[in-house]
Amino acid sequence: MIILLFLHIGLMVSAVTLSAGTSAILFMAHRAGRLAEVWPLLGSLPIEKVIPPLFLFGGLAGLATAISFGTSLVSPWLLIAYAGAILGGTVSPRLIRPIFGGLARSTDEATLEAAVGREVVTDFAFTVGLFGLLIADMVFKPFS
């Protein structure tokens, strides 16, 4: 049982770190006007392809953990976690994909800012909001 818990925590921390870390790097580079400089690093990684499986397997490990500990699978805090994992695994890569597309098409900083500046801010705001909610959900276990 405890192995499932550690597997769940490890996979979810990896998913959140990869997703939030990418968003934070892009946001900081956007604010500093240096998006062109981070693209060679981020463009070489299959980030948007790795995030969904991490959320999927982390969520399945969490479901197996809940079953093994005898937790009700319809607890309100678990329902919030299910929704958050689905959003994190589906929406986050969709927000990152157009940013990466814009970064791949241009290396001129002004063109990059015009092409993806708004998407970077939207992705960062979504990521901070979602993961803030998920962390609060896991810590405080509301409605239970």
N, C-alpha and C. Protein backbone atom coordinates (compact mmCIF):
# COMPACT_ATOMS: atom_id res chain seq x y z
N MET A 1 0.81 -1.19 0.00
CA MET A 1 0.00 0.00 0.00
C MET A 1 0.86 1.26 0.00
N ILE A 2 1.87 1.27 0.83
CA ILE A 2 2.69 2.46 0.94
C ILE A 2 3.49 2.70 -0.34
N ILE A 3 3.84 1.61 -1.04
CA ILE A 3 4.55 1.74 -2.30
C ILE A 3 3.68 2.45 -3.33
N LEU A 4 2.39 2.11 -3.34
CA LEU A 4 1.46 2.80 -4.25
C LEU A 4 1.39 4.29 -3.94
N LEU A 5 1.38 4.61 -2.65
CA LEU A 5 1.31 6.01 -2.25
C LEU A 5 2.55 6.76 -2.73
N PHE A 6 3.72 6.18 -2.55
CA PHE A 6 4.95 6.84 -3.00
C PHE A 6 5.01 6.93 -4.53
N LEU A 7 4.52 5.90 -5.21
CA LEU A 7 4.46 5.93 -6.67
C LEU A 7 3.53 7.05 -7.14
N HIS A 8 2.37 7.15 -6.51
CA HIS A 8 1.41 8.20 -6.83
C HIS A 8 2.02 9.58 -6.60
N ILE A 9 2.61 9.78 -5.44
CA ILE A 9 3.20 11.08 -5.12
C ILE A 9 4.34 11.40 -6.08
N GLY A 10 5.19 10.44 -6.36
CA GLY A 10 6.32 10.67 -7.27
C GLY A 10 5.88 11.04 -8.67
N LEU A 11 4.90 10.31 -9.20
CA LEU A 11 4.42 10.61 -10.55
C LEU A 11 3.71 11.96 -10.62
N MET A 12 2.90 12.26 -9.61
CA MET A 12 2.18 13.54 -9.63
C MET A 12 3.13 14.72 -9.42
N VAL A 13 4.10 14.57 -8.56
CA VAL A 13 5.09 15.64 -8.37
C VAL A 13 5.86 15.84 -9.67
N SER A 14 6.19 14.76 -10.37
CA SER A 14 6.89 14.89 -11.65
C SER A 14 6.02 15.61 -12.68
N ALA A 15 4.75 15.25 -12.75
CA ALA A 15 3.84 15.89 -13.71
C ALA A 15 3.67 17.37 -13.41
N VAL A 16 3.46 17.68 -12.14
CA VAL A 16 3.26 19.08 -11.75
C VAL A 16 4.55 19.88 -11.96
N THR A 17 5.68 19.31 -11.61
CA THR A 17 6.95 20.01 -11.76
C THR A 17 7.26 20.27 -13.23
N LEU A 18 7.05 19.29 -14.07
CA LEU A 18 7.33 19.47 -15.49
C LEU A 18 6.39 20.51 -16.11
N SER A 19 5.13 20.41 -15.78
CA SER A 19 4.15 21.35 -16.33
C SER A 19 4.35 22.76 -15.77
N ALA A 20 4.41 22.87 -14.46
CA ALA A 20 4.56 24.19 -13.83
C ALA A 20 5.94 24.78 -14.09
N GLY A 21 6.95 23.95 -14.12
CA GLY A 21 8.30 24.44 -14.38
C GLY A 21 8.43 25.02 -15.78
N THR A 22 7.85 24.34 -16.75
CA THR A 22 7.87 24.84 -18.11
C THR A 22 7.13 26.18 -18.19
N SER A 23 5.96 26.24 -17.57
CA SER A 23 5.18 27.48 -17.57
C SER A 23 5.95 28.61 -16.89
N ALA A 24 6.60 28.30 -15.77
CA ALA A 24 7.36 29.34 -15.05
C ALA A 24 8.55 29.83 -15.86
N ILE A 25 9.27 28.93 -16.50
CA ILE A 25 10.41 29.33 -17.33
C ILE A 25 9.94 30.22 -18.48
N LEU A 26 8.86 29.80 -19.14
CA LEU A 26 8.33 30.61 -20.24
C LEU A 26 7.87 31.98 -19.76
N PHE A 27 7.19 32.01 -18.62
CA PHE A 27 6.68 33.28 -18.09
C PHE A 27 7.83 34.22 -17.72
N MET A 28 8.83 33.68 -17.04
CA MET A 28 9.98 34.52 -16.66
C MET A 28 10.73 35.03 -17.89
N ALA A 29 10.88 34.16 -18.89
CA ALA A 29 11.56 34.59 -20.12
C ALA A 29 10.73 35.65 -20.84
N HIS A 30 9.41 35.49 -20.83
CA HIS A 30 8.52 36.48 -21.44
C HIS A 30 8.67 37.82 -20.73
N ARG A 31 8.64 37.80 -19.41
CA ARG A 31 8.75 39.05 -18.64
C ARG A 31 10.10 39.73 -18.86
N ALA A 32 11.15 38.94 -19.08
CA ALA A 32 12.48 39.50 -19.29
C ALA A 32 12.75 39.80 -20.76
N GLY A 33 11.80 39.46 -21.65
CA GLY A 33 12.01 39.68 -23.08
C GLY A 33 13.06 38.77 -23.67
N ARG A 34 13.11 37.53 -23.18
CA ARG A 34 14.16 36.61 -23.63
C ARG A 34 13.60 35.26 -24.05
N LEU A 35 12.42 35.25 -24.66
CA LEU A 35 11.83 33.99 -25.09
C LEU A 35 12.70 33.25 -26.11
N ALA A 36 13.35 33.99 -26.98
CA ALA A 36 14.19 33.36 -28.01
C ALA A 36 15.33 32.57 -27.39
N GLU A 37 15.76 32.95 -26.21
CA GLU A 37 16.89 32.27 -25.58
C GLU A 37 16.52 30.95 -24.92
N VAL A 38 15.27 30.78 -24.51
CA VAL A 38 14.88 29.53 -23.85
C VAL A 38 14.40 28.48 -24.83
N TRP A 39 14.07 28.90 -26.06
CA TRP A 39 13.52 27.94 -27.01
C TRP A 39 14.48 26.79 -27.33
N PRO A 40 15.80 27.01 -27.54
CA PRO A 40 16.66 25.86 -27.85
C PRO A 40 16.60 24.77 -26.76
N LEU A 41 16.48 25.17 -25.51
CA LEU A 41 16.37 24.19 -24.43
C LEU A 41 15.01 23.50 -24.43
N LEU A 42 13.95 24.28 -24.40
CA LEU A 42 12.60 23.71 -24.31
C LEU A 42 12.20 22.98 -25.58
N GLY A 43 12.65 23.47 -26.72
CA GLY A 43 12.29 22.84 -27.99
C GLY A 43 12.89 21.47 -28.18
N SER A 44 13.94 21.17 -27.44
CA SER A 44 14.59 19.88 -27.59
C SER A 44 13.94 18.80 -26.72
N LEU A 45 12.97 19.18 -25.91
CA LEU A 45 12.33 18.24 -24.99
C LEU A 45 10.89 17.96 -25.42
N PRO A 46 10.44 16.71 -25.32
CA PRO A 46 9.04 16.39 -25.69
C PRO A 46 8.07 16.66 -24.54
N ILE A 47 8.09 17.86 -24.01
CA ILE A 47 7.35 18.18 -22.79
C ILE A 47 5.86 17.93 -22.94
N GLU A 48 5.27 18.43 -24.04
CA GLU A 48 3.82 18.31 -24.18
C GLU A 48 3.38 16.87 -24.42
N LYS A 49 4.32 15.99 -24.76
CA LYS A 49 3.99 14.57 -24.95
C LYS A 49 4.18 13.76 -23.67
N VAL A 50 4.97 14.26 -22.74
CA VAL A 50 5.27 13.55 -21.50
C VAL A 50 4.27 13.87 -20.39
N ILE A 51 3.74 15.09 -20.40
CA ILE A 51 2.84 15.52 -19.32
C ILE A 51 1.59 14.63 -19.20
N PRO A 52 0.84 14.34 -20.29
CA PRO A 52 -0.37 13.53 -20.13
C PRO A 52 -0.14 12.15 -19.52
N PRO A 53 0.88 11.38 -19.98
CA PRO A 53 1.08 10.08 -19.34
C PRO A 53 1.45 10.17 -17.86
N LEU A 54 2.21 11.20 -17.49
CA LEU A 54 2.55 11.36 -16.07
C LEU A 54 1.29 11.57 -15.23
N PHE A 55 0.40 12.45 -15.72
CA PHE A 55 -0.86 12.66 -15.00
C PHE A 55 -1.72 11.40 -15.00
N LEU A 56 -1.77 10.70 -16.13
CA LEU A 56 -2.58 9.49 -16.22
C LEU A 56 -2.09 8.42 -15.24
N PHE A 57 -0.81 8.10 -15.30
CA PHE A 57 -0.29 7.05 -14.42
C PHE A 57 -0.25 7.48 -12.96
N GLY A 58 0.01 8.76 -12.72
CA GLY A 58 -0.05 9.27 -11.36
C GLY A 58 -1.46 9.19 -10.80
N GLY A 59 -2.45 9.53 -11.63
CA GLY A 59 -3.84 9.43 -11.21
C GLY A 59 -4.28 7.99 -10.96
N LEU A 60 -3.85 7.08 -11.83
CA LEU A 60 -4.18 5.67 -11.64
C LEU A 60 -3.52 5.11 -10.37
N ALA A 61 -2.29 5.52 -10.12
CA ALA A 61 -1.63 5.10 -8.88
C ALA A 61 -2.35 5.67 -7.67
N GLY A 62 -2.85 6.90 -7.78
CA GLY A 62 -3.63 7.50 -6.69
C GLY A 62 -4.95 6.78 -6.48
N LEU A 63 -5.58 6.39 -7.56
CA LEU A 63 -6.83 5.62 -7.46
C LEU A 63 -6.58 4.27 -6.79
N ALA A 64 -5.51 3.61 -7.20
CA ALA A 64 -5.15 2.33 -6.57
C ALA A 64 -4.81 2.53 -5.09
N THR A 65 -4.16 3.62 -4.76
CA THR A 65 -3.84 3.93 -3.36
C THR A 65 -5.11 4.14 -2.56
N ALA A 66 -6.05 4.90 -3.10
CA ALA A 66 -7.31 5.15 -2.40
C ALA A 66 -8.06 3.85 -2.16
N ILE A 67 -8.08 2.99 -3.16
CA ILE A 67 -8.76 1.70 -3.01
C ILE A 67 -8.07 0.86 -1.94
N SER A 68 -6.74 0.82 -1.98
CA SER A 68 -6.01 -0.02 -1.02
C SER A 68 -6.13 0.48 0.42
N PHE A 69 -6.30 1.80 0.60
CA PHE A 69 -6.48 2.35 1.94
C PHE A 69 -7.94 2.38 2.37
N GLY A 70 -8.84 1.98 1.49
CA GLY A 70 -10.25 1.95 1.84
C GLY A 70 -10.93 3.30 1.83
N THR A 71 -10.38 4.25 1.12
CA THR A 71 -10.95 5.59 1.03
C THR A 71 -12.13 5.57 0.07
N SER A 72 -13.18 6.30 0.39
CA SER A 72 -14.33 6.40 -0.50
C SER A 72 -13.90 7.09 -1.80
N LEU A 73 -14.22 6.46 -2.92
CA LEU A 73 -13.80 7.00 -4.21
C LEU A 73 -14.64 8.19 -4.66
N VAL A 74 -15.70 8.49 -3.91
CA VAL A 74 -16.53 9.64 -4.25
C VAL A 74 -16.44 10.72 -3.17
N SER A 75 -15.36 10.70 -2.41
CA SER A 75 -15.13 11.79 -1.45
C SER A 75 -14.97 13.08 -2.24
N PRO A 76 -15.53 14.18 -1.71
CA PRO A 76 -15.43 15.44 -2.46
C PRO A 76 -14.00 15.85 -2.82
N TRP A 77 -13.07 15.66 -1.91
CA TRP A 77 -11.69 16.05 -2.21
C TRP A 77 -11.09 15.17 -3.30
N LEU A 78 -11.52 13.90 -3.39
CA LEU A 78 -11.04 13.05 -4.47
C LEU A 78 -11.67 13.43 -5.80
N LEU A 79 -12.93 13.84 -5.79
CA LEU A 79 -13.58 14.29 -7.03
C LEU A 79 -12.88 15.54 -7.57
N ILE A 80 -12.50 16.44 -6.68
CA ILE A 80 -11.74 17.63 -7.09
C ILE A 80 -10.39 17.20 -7.67
N ALA A 81 -9.75 16.23 -7.05
CA ALA A 81 -8.46 15.74 -7.54
C ALA A 81 -8.60 15.09 -8.91
N TYR A 82 -9.67 14.31 -9.12
CA TYR A 82 -9.89 13.69 -10.44
C TYR A 82 -10.00 14.77 -11.51
N ALA A 83 -10.82 15.78 -11.23
CA ALA A 83 -11.02 16.87 -12.20
C ALA A 83 -9.71 17.61 -12.45
N GLY A 84 -8.95 17.86 -11.40
CA GLY A 84 -7.68 18.56 -11.55
C GLY A 84 -6.67 17.78 -12.36
N ALA A 85 -6.61 16.47 -12.14
CA ALA A 85 -5.67 15.63 -12.89
C ALA A 85 -6.06 15.58 -14.36
N ILE A 86 -7.36 15.50 -14.64
CA ILE A 86 -7.81 15.49 -16.03
C ILE A 86 -7.48 16.82 -16.70
N LEU A 87 -7.75 17.92 -16.01
CA LEU A 87 -7.43 19.24 -16.57
C LEU A 87 -5.92 19.40 -16.77
N GLY A 88 -5.14 19.00 -15.79
CA GLY A 88 -3.69 19.12 -15.89
C GLY A 88 -3.12 18.30 -17.03
N GLY A 89 -3.67 17.12 -17.24
CA GLY A 89 -3.17 16.24 -18.29
C GLY A 89 -3.66 16.56 -19.69
N THR A 90 -4.77 17.31 -19.79
CA THR A 90 -5.31 17.62 -21.12
C THR A 90 -5.14 19.08 -21.50
N VAL A 91 -5.45 19.99 -20.61
CA VAL A 91 -5.42 21.42 -20.95
C VAL A 91 -3.99 21.95 -20.98
N SER A 92 -3.17 21.58 -20.01
CA SER A 92 -1.81 22.11 -19.95
C SER A 92 -1.01 21.84 -21.22
N PRO A 93 -0.99 20.61 -21.75
CA PRO A 93 -0.26 20.40 -23.01
C PRO A 93 -0.86 21.18 -24.17
N ARG A 94 -2.18 21.37 -24.17
CA ARG A 94 -2.81 22.15 -25.25
C ARG A 94 -2.44 23.62 -25.18
N LEU A 95 -2.20 24.12 -23.98
CA LEU A 95 -1.76 25.51 -23.84
C LEU A 95 -0.29 25.67 -24.25
N ILE A 96 0.51 24.66 -23.98
CA ILE A 96 1.94 24.72 -24.29
C ILE A 96 2.20 24.56 -25.79
N ARG A 97 1.42 23.72 -26.46
CA ARG A 97 1.67 23.41 -27.87
C ARG A 97 1.74 24.64 -28.77
N PRO A 98 0.76 25.59 -28.73
CA PRO A 98 0.89 26.76 -29.61
C PRO A 98 2.07 27.67 -29.25
N ILE A 99 2.43 27.68 -27.98
CA ILE A 99 3.60 28.47 -27.58
C ILE A 99 4.85 27.88 -28.23
N PHE A 100 4.99 26.57 -28.16
CA PHE A 100 6.15 25.93 -28.77
C PHE A 100 6.13 26.11 -30.28
N GLY A 101 4.93 26.07 -30.89
CA GLY A 101 4.83 26.30 -32.33
C GLY A 101 5.30 27.69 -32.71
N GLY A 102 4.90 28.69 -31.93
CA GLY A 102 5.32 30.06 -32.19
C GLY A 102 6.81 30.25 -31.98
N LEU A 103 7.34 29.60 -30.96
CA LEU A 103 8.77 29.71 -30.70
C LEU A 103 9.58 29.05 -31.81
N ALA A 104 9.07 27.95 -32.34
CA ALA A 104 9.80 27.23 -33.39
C ALA A 104 9.83 28.01 -34.70
N ARG A 105 8.80 28.84 -34.95
CA ARG A 105 8.70 29.57 -36.22
C ARG A 105 9.56 30.82 -36.28
N SER A 106 9.95 31.37 -35.14
CA SER A 106 10.66 32.65 -35.17
C SER A 106 11.71 32.72 -34.07
N THR A 107 12.78 33.43 -34.37
CA THR A 107 13.81 33.66 -33.35
C THR A 107 13.94 35.15 -33.05
N ASP A 108 13.19 35.98 -33.74
CA ASP A 108 13.19 37.42 -33.48
C ASP A 108 12.34 37.69 -32.25
N GLU A 109 12.91 38.34 -31.26
CA GLU A 109 12.23 38.55 -29.97
C GLU A 109 10.92 39.31 -30.11
N ALA A 110 10.89 40.33 -30.93
CA ALA A 110 9.66 41.12 -31.09
C ALA A 110 8.55 40.28 -31.71
N THR A 111 8.91 39.45 -32.69
CA THR A 111 7.93 38.57 -33.33
C THR A 111 7.43 37.53 -32.34
N LEU A 112 8.34 37.01 -31.54
CA LEU A 112 7.95 36.02 -30.53
C LEU A 112 6.98 36.61 -29.51
N GLU A 113 7.29 37.78 -29.03
CA GLU A 113 6.42 38.43 -28.04
C GLU A 113 5.02 38.63 -28.60
N ALA A 114 4.95 39.05 -29.85
CA ALA A 114 3.65 39.27 -30.48
C ALA A 114 2.92 37.95 -30.71
N ALA A 115 3.68 36.91 -31.05
CA ALA A 115 3.06 35.63 -31.40
C ALA A 115 2.59 34.85 -30.18
N VAL A 116 3.39 34.83 -29.13
CA VAL A 116 3.08 33.93 -28.02
C VAL A 116 3.01 34.60 -26.65
N GLY A 117 3.20 35.90 -26.58
CA GLY A 117 3.20 36.58 -25.27
C GLY A 117 1.94 36.35 -24.47
N ARG A 118 0.79 36.51 -25.12
CA ARG A 118 -0.49 36.33 -24.42
C ARG A 118 -0.70 34.87 -23.99
N GLU A 119 -0.30 33.93 -24.85
CA GLU A 119 -0.44 32.51 -24.52
C GLU A 119 0.43 32.12 -23.33
N VAL A 120 1.60 32.71 -23.24
CA VAL A 120 2.50 32.42 -22.11
C VAL A 120 1.85 32.86 -20.80
N VAL A 121 1.28 34.05 -20.79
CA VAL A 121 0.63 34.56 -19.57
C VAL A 121 -0.60 33.70 -19.23
N THR A 122 -1.39 33.33 -20.24
CA THR A 122 -2.57 32.48 -20.01
C THR A 122 -2.16 31.14 -19.44
N ASP A 123 -1.13 30.52 -20.02
CA ASP A 123 -0.66 29.23 -19.55
C ASP A 123 -0.17 29.32 -18.10
N PHE A 124 0.57 30.37 -17.79
CA PHE A 124 1.10 30.52 -16.44
C PHE A 124 -0.04 30.72 -15.43
N ALA A 125 -1.01 31.56 -15.76
CA ALA A 125 -2.14 31.81 -14.86
C ALA A 125 -2.94 30.52 -14.64
N PHE A 126 -3.20 29.77 -15.71
CA PHE A 126 -3.92 28.50 -15.58
C PHE A 126 -3.16 27.53 -14.70
N THR A 127 -1.86 27.41 -14.95
CA THR A 127 -1.03 26.47 -14.20
C THR A 127 -0.99 26.81 -12.72
N VAL A 128 -0.76 28.06 -12.39
CA VAL A 128 -0.69 28.47 -10.99
C VAL A 128 -2.04 28.23 -10.30
N GLY A 129 -3.12 28.60 -10.97
CA GLY A 129 -4.45 28.40 -10.39
C GLY A 129 -4.78 26.93 -10.18
N LEU A 130 -4.54 26.11 -11.19
CA LEU A 130 -4.87 24.69 -11.09
C LEU A 130 -4.04 24.00 -10.03
N PHE A 131 -2.75 24.21 -10.05
CA PHE A 131 -1.91 23.49 -9.10
C PHE A 131 -2.04 24.04 -7.69
N GLY A 132 -2.35 25.32 -7.56
CA GLY A 132 -2.68 25.86 -6.24
C GLY A 132 -3.91 25.18 -5.67
N LEU A 133 -4.93 25.01 -6.52
CA LEU A 133 -6.16 24.32 -6.10
C LEU A 133 -5.88 22.87 -5.73
N LEU A 134 -5.09 22.18 -6.56
CA LEU A 134 -4.80 20.77 -6.28
C LEU A 134 -3.99 20.58 -5.00
N ILE A 135 -3.02 21.44 -4.78
CA ILE A 135 -2.22 21.33 -3.56
C ILE A 135 -3.08 21.61 -2.34
N ALA A 136 -3.90 22.65 -2.42
CA ALA A 136 -4.82 22.95 -1.30
C ALA A 136 -5.79 21.79 -1.08
N ASP A 137 -6.26 21.19 -2.16
CA ASP A 137 -7.18 20.06 -2.06
C ASP A 137 -6.52 18.88 -1.34
N MET A 138 -5.28 18.59 -1.69
CA MET A 138 -4.60 17.46 -1.07
C MET A 138 -4.23 17.73 0.38
N VAL A 139 -3.94 18.97 0.71
CA VAL A 139 -3.53 19.31 2.07
C VAL A 139 -4.72 19.43 3.01
N PHE A 140 -5.75 20.16 2.59
CA PHE A 140 -6.87 20.48 3.48
C PHE A 140 -8.03 19.50 3.39
N LYS A 141 -8.11 18.72 2.32
CA LYS A 141 -9.18 17.74 2.10
C LYS A 141 -10.56 18.34 2.39
N PRO A 142 -10.97 19.33 1.59
CA PRO A 142 -12.23 20.03 1.88
C PRO A 142 -13.46 19.13 1.78
N PHE A 143 -14.49 19.52 2.47
CA PHE A 143 -15.80 18.85 2.45
C PHE A 143 -15.75 17.42 2.96
N SER A 144 -14.75 17.08 3.76
CA SER A 144 -14.73 15.71 4.28
C SER A 144 -14.66 15.68 5.79
